[in-house]
Amino acid sequence: MDLNDMPYLLLGALASVRDDSIKTVDDMVGKGRELAEGTKSKARSVADDKKLEATIQELVKKGRKESKELVEAVGKVVTDTLDSLGIVTKADIKDIDRKLSELEKMVSGKTAKKKPAKKKAAKKKAKKQPAKKKAAKKA
């Protein structure tokens, strides 16, 4: 290498460094953009997930409400149908059972009151019978 070639060597080295530097800077910019876009997409993804979750919760809530309304509507139709056909329901049987229990209590209360009354009647009959015997003895 000659001293005359020295300026060309320096220019070549500078050009090489410049090209490598530009390439390195371009690579860094590209990676930065990828990271930024990835972060944006992740943020979008998280936001989309939150929206999706909120939508799902809303749908579940709406489904429960509509299910409850459907069960009530079907129950009303069944009850109306049973009433129109005159079929006895569990509620009817329970009501009759309750009324029967009340009547049994009332009857048992009356029979308890009547028992002492029967004893009095028996005592009266006992008194009347000896009176009849006295009359028979006199005759």
C-alpha atoms as a PDB file:
ATOM      1  CA  MET A   1       0.000   0.000   0.000  1.00  0.00           C
ATOM      2  CA  ASP A   2       1.230   3.397  -0.974  1.00  0.00           C
ATOM      3  CA  LEU A   3       0.834   6.596   0.830  1.00  0.00           C
ATOM      4  CA  ASN A   4      -1.023   7.822  -2.178  1.00  0.00           C
ATOM      5  CA  ASP A   5      -3.645   5.134  -1.546  1.00  0.00           C
ATOM      6  CA  MET A   6      -4.145   6.267   2.038  1.00  0.00           C
ATOM      7  CA  PRO A   7      -6.892   8.822   1.293  1.00  0.00           C
ATOM      8  CA  TYR A   8      -8.741   6.195  -0.697  1.00  0.00           C
ATOM      9  CA  LEU A   9      -8.443   3.744   2.173  1.00  0.00           C
ATOM     10  CA  LEU A  10      -9.874   6.285   4.593  1.00  0.00           C
ATOM     11  CA  LEU A  11     -12.707   7.128   2.202  1.00  0.00           C
ATOM     12  CA  GLY A  12     -13.461   3.448   1.749  1.00  0.00           C
ATOM     13  CA  ALA A  13     -13.443   2.844   5.499  1.00  0.00           C
ATOM     14  CA  LEU A  14     -15.734   5.828   6.045  1.00  0.00           C
ATOM     15  CA  ALA A  15     -18.090   4.587   3.325  1.00  0.00           C
ATOM     16  CA  SER A  16     -18.125   1.116   4.847  1.00  0.00           C
ATOM     17  CA  VAL A  17     -18.745   2.444   8.353  1.00  0.00           C
ATOM     18  CA  ARG A  18     -21.435   4.745   6.990  1.00  0.00           C
ATOM     19  CA  ASP A  19     -23.146   1.860   5.156  1.00  0.00           C
ATOM     20  CA  ASP A  20     -22.917  -0.392   8.213  1.00  0.00           C
ATOM     21  CA  SER A  21     -24.165   2.434  10.428  1.00  0.00           C
ATOM     22  CA  ILE A  22     -27.105   3.114   8.121  1.00  0.00           C
ATOM     23  CA  LYS A  23     -27.906  -0.575   7.986  1.00  0.00           C
ATOM     24  CA  THR A  24     -27.649  -0.869  11.775  1.00  0.00           C
ATOM     25  CA  VAL A  25     -29.810   2.222  12.276  1.00  0.00           C
ATOM     26  CA  ASP A  26     -32.379   0.907   9.788  1.00  0.00           C
ATOM     27  CA  ASP A  27     -32.430  -2.438  11.604  1.00  0.00           C
ATOM     28  CA  MET A  28     -32.913  -0.694  14.954  1.00  0.00           C
ATOM     29  CA  VAL A  29     -35.734   1.440  13.561  1.00  0.00           C
ATOM     30  CA  GLY A  30     -37.396  -1.676  12.126  1.00  0.00           C
ATOM     31  CA  LYS A  31     -37.155  -3.521  15.443  1.00  0.00           C
ATOM     32  CA  GLY A  32     -38.496  -0.473  17.273  1.00  0.00           C
ATOM     33  CA  ARG A  33     -41.468  -0.311  14.926  1.00  0.00           C
ATOM     34  CA  GLU A  34     -42.133  -4.031  15.392  1.00  0.00           C
ATOM     35  CA  LEU A  35     -42.070  -3.626  19.160  1.00  0.00           C
ATOM     36  CA  ALA A  36     -44.340  -0.591  18.988  1.00  0.00           C
ATOM     37  CA  GLU A  37     -46.801  -2.376  16.701  1.00  0.00           C
ATOM     38  CA  GLY A  38     -46.627  -5.486  18.876  1.00  0.00           C
ATOM     39  CA  THR A  39     -47.357  -3.400  21.943  1.00  0.00           C
ATOM     40  CA  LYS A  40     -50.234  -1.686  20.140  1.00  0.00           C
ATOM     41  CA  SER A  41     -51.623  -5.007  18.987  1.00  0.00           C
ATOM     42  CA  LYS A  42     -51.282  -6.412  22.493  1.00  0.00           C
ATOM     43  CA  ALA A  43     -53.057  -3.356  23.862  1.00  0.00           C
ATOM     44  CA  ARG A  44     -55.743  -3.782  21.228  1.00  0.00           C
ATOM     45  CA  SER A  45     -55.942  -7.454  22.061  1.00  0.00           C
ATOM     46  CA  VAL A  46     -56.354  -6.715  25.765  1.00  0.00           C
ATOM     47  CA  ALA A  47     -58.995  -4.091  24.993  1.00  0.00           C
ATOM     48  CA  ASP A  48     -60.754  -6.524  22.658  1.00  0.00           C
ATOM     49  CA  ASP A  49     -60.600  -9.221  25.352  1.00  0.00           C
ATOM     50  CA  LYS A  50     -62.146  -6.848  27.884  1.00  0.00           C
ATOM     51  CA  LYS A  51     -64.904  -5.903  25.434  1.00  0.00           C
ATOM     52  CA  LEU A  52     -65.474  -9.569  24.677  1.00  0.00           C
ATOM     53  CA  GLU A  53     -65.643 -10.445  28.370  1.00  0.00           C
ATOM     54  CA  ALA A  54     -68.099  -7.601  29.019  1.00  0.00           C
ATOM     55  CA  THR A  55     -70.221  -8.764  26.084  1.00  0.00           C
ATOM     56  CA  ILE A  56     -70.194 -12.339  27.345  1.00  0.00           C
ATOM     57  CA  GLN A  57     -71.225 -11.235  30.842  1.00  0.00           C
ATOM     58  CA  GLU A  58     -73.993  -9.118  29.358  1.00  0.00           C
ATOM     59  CA  LEU A  59     -75.235 -12.041  27.267  1.00  0.00           C
ATOM     60  CA  VAL A  60     -75.166 -14.399  30.249  1.00  0.00           C
ATOM     61  CA  LYS A  61     -77.124 -11.895  32.336  1.00  0.00           C
ATOM     62  CA  LYS A  62     -79.652 -11.404  29.539  1.00  0.00           C
ATOM     63  CA  GLY A  63     -79.906 -15.179  29.064  1.00  0.00           C
ATOM     64  CA  ARG A  64     -80.642 -15.734  32.749  1.00  0.00           C
ATOM     65  CA  LYS A  65     -83.313 -13.047  32.725  1.00  0.00           C
ATOM     66  CA  GLU A  66     -84.949 -14.431  29.586  1.00  0.00           C
ATOM     67  CA  SER A  67     -84.728 -17.976  30.932  1.00  0.00           C
ATOM     68  CA  LYS A  68     -86.492 -16.903  34.117  1.00  0.00           C
ATOM     69  CA  GLU A  69     -89.182 -15.127  32.097  1.00  0.00           C
ATOM     70  CA  LEU A  70     -89.622 -18.219  29.916  1.00  0.00           C
ATOM     71  CA  VAL A  71     -90.004 -20.504  32.942  1.00  0.00           C
ATOM     72  CA  GLU A  72     -92.580 -18.126  34.436  1.00  0.00           C
ATOM     73  CA  ALA A  73     -94.495 -17.935  31.146  1.00  0.00           C
ATOM     74  CA  VAL A  74     -94.508 -21.724  30.721  1.00  0.00           C
ATOM     75  CA  GLY A  75     -95.561 -22.145  34.356  1.00  0.00           C
ATOM     76  CA  LYS A  76     -98.453 -19.737  33.841  1.00  0.00           C
ATOM     77  CA  VAL A  77     -99.584 -21.583  30.706  1.00  0.00           C
ATOM     78  CA  VAL A  78     -99.416 -24.936  32.508  1.00  0.00           C
ATOM     79  CA  THR A  79    -101.323 -23.561  35.509  1.00  0.00           C
ATOM     80  CA  ASP A  80    -103.996 -22.027  33.283  1.00  0.00           C
ATOM     81  CA  THR A  81    -104.306 -25.287  31.350  1.00  0.00           C
ATOM     82  CA  LEU A  82    -104.652 -27.346  34.538  1.00  0.00           C
ATOM     83  CA  ASP A  83    -107.246 -24.908  35.863  1.00  0.00           C
ATOM     84  CA  SER A  84    -109.253 -25.027  32.643  1.00  0.00           C
ATOM     85  CA  LEU A  85    -109.161 -28.852  32.633  1.00  0.00           C
ATOM     86  CA  GLY A  86    -110.081 -29.037  36.311  1.00  0.00           C
ATOM     87  CA  ILE A  87    -107.036 -31.090  37.244  1.00  0.00           C
ATOM     88  CA  VAL A  88    -106.039 -31.006  40.912  1.00  0.00           C
ATOM     89  CA  THR A  89    -102.607 -29.540  41.589  1.00  0.00           C
ATOM     90  CA  LYS A  90    -100.193 -29.990  44.496  1.00  0.00           C
ATOM     91  CA  ALA A  91    -101.171 -26.559  45.770  1.00  0.00           C
ATOM     92  CA  ASP A  92    -104.831 -27.622  45.759  1.00  0.00           C
ATOM     93  CA  ILE A  93    -104.003 -30.788  47.711  1.00  0.00           C
ATOM     94  CA  LYS A  94    -101.938 -28.834  50.254  1.00  0.00           C
ATOM     95  CA  ASP A  95    -104.801 -26.362  50.685  1.00  0.00           C
ATOM     96  CA  ILE A  96    -107.291 -29.195  51.234  1.00  0.00           C
ATOM     97  CA  ASP A  97    -104.900 -30.884  53.671  1.00  0.00           C
ATOM     98  CA  ARG A  98    -104.555 -27.640  55.634  1.00  0.00           C
ATOM     99  CA  LYS A  99    -108.331 -27.195  55.793  1.00  0.00           C
ATOM    100  CA  LEU A 100    -108.768 -30.832  56.859  1.00  0.00           C
ATOM    101  CA  SER A 101    -106.250 -30.354  59.669  1.00  0.00           C
ATOM    102  CA  GLU A 102    -108.146 -27.274  60.837  1.00  0.00           C
ATOM    103  CA  LEU A 103    -111.429 -29.220  60.805  1.00  0.00           C
ATOM    104  CA  GLU A 104    -109.856 -32.109  62.737  1.00  0.00           C
ATOM    105  CA  LYS A 105    -108.682 -29.655  65.385  1.00  0.00           C
ATOM    106  CA  MET A 106    -112.140 -28.134  65.594  1.00  0.00           C
ATOM    107  CA  VAL A 107    -113.805 -31.551  65.850  1.00  0.00           C
ATOM    108  CA  SER A 108    -111.353 -32.826  68.464  1.00  0.00           C
ATOM    109  CA  GLY A 109    -111.968 -29.640  70.475  1.00  0.00           C
ATOM    110  CA  LYS A 110    -115.761 -30.210  70.315  1.00  0.00           C
ATOM    111  CA  THR A 111    -115.491 -33.869  71.289  1.00  0.00           C
ATOM    112  CA  ALA A 112    -113.368 -32.929  74.249  1.00  0.00           C
ATOM    113  CA  LYS A 113    -116.115 -30.515  75.328  1.00  0.00           C
ATOM    114  CA  LYS A 114    -118.844 -33.093  74.709  1.00  0.00           C
ATOM    115  CA  LYS A 115    -117.228 -35.767  76.873  1.00  0.00           C
ATOM    116  CA  PRO A 116    -117.842 -33.903  80.110  1.00  0.00           C
ATOM    117  CA  ALA A 117    -121.373 -33.227  78.912  1.00  0.00           C
ATOM    118  CA  LYS A 118    -121.921 -36.968  78.410  1.00  0.00           C
ATOM    119  CA  LYS A 119    -120.735 -37.673  81.930  1.00  0.00           C
ATOM    120  CA  LYS A 120    -123.285 -35.237  83.278  1.00  0.00           C
ATOM    121  CA  ALA A 121    -125.977 -36.912  81.231  1.00  0.00           C
ATOM    122  CA  ALA A 122    -124.892 -40.279  82.584  1.00  0.00           C
ATOM    123  CA  LYS A 123    -125.153 -38.947  86.137  1.00  0.00           C
ATOM    124  CA  LYS A 124    -128.623 -37.604  85.400  1.00  0.00           C
ATOM    125  CA  LYS A 125    -129.674 -40.979  84.013  1.00  0.00           C
ATOM    126  CA  ALA A 126    -128.295 -42.662  87.100  1.00  0.00           C
ATOM    127  CA  LYS A 127    -130.355 -40.374  89.295  1.00  0.00           C
ATOM    128  CA  LYS A 128    -133.480 -40.966  87.231  1.00  0.00           C
ATOM    129  CA  GLN A 129    -133.178 -44.727  87.367  1.00  0.00           C
ATOM    130  CA  PRO A 130    -133.280 -45.016  91.134  1.00  0.00           C
ATOM    131  CA  ALA A 131    -136.247 -42.721  91.117  1.00  0.00           C
ATOM    132  CA  LYS A 132    -138.064 -45.144  88.871  1.00  0.00           C
ATOM    133  CA  LYS A 133    -137.188 -48.021  91.190  1.00  0.00           C
ATOM    134  CA  LYS A 134    -138.698 -46.202  94.132  1.00  0.00           C
ATOM    135  CA  ALA A 135    -141.860 -45.768  92.216  1.00  0.00           C
ATOM    136  CA  ALA A 136    -141.860 -49.450  91.408  1.00  0.00           C
ATOM    137  CA  LYS A 137    -141.426 -50.395  95.059  1.00  0.00           C
ATOM    138  CA  LYS A 138    -144.406 -48.348  96.120  1.00  0.00           C
ATOM    139  CA  ALA A 139    -146.708 -50.044  93.739  1.00  0.00           C
END
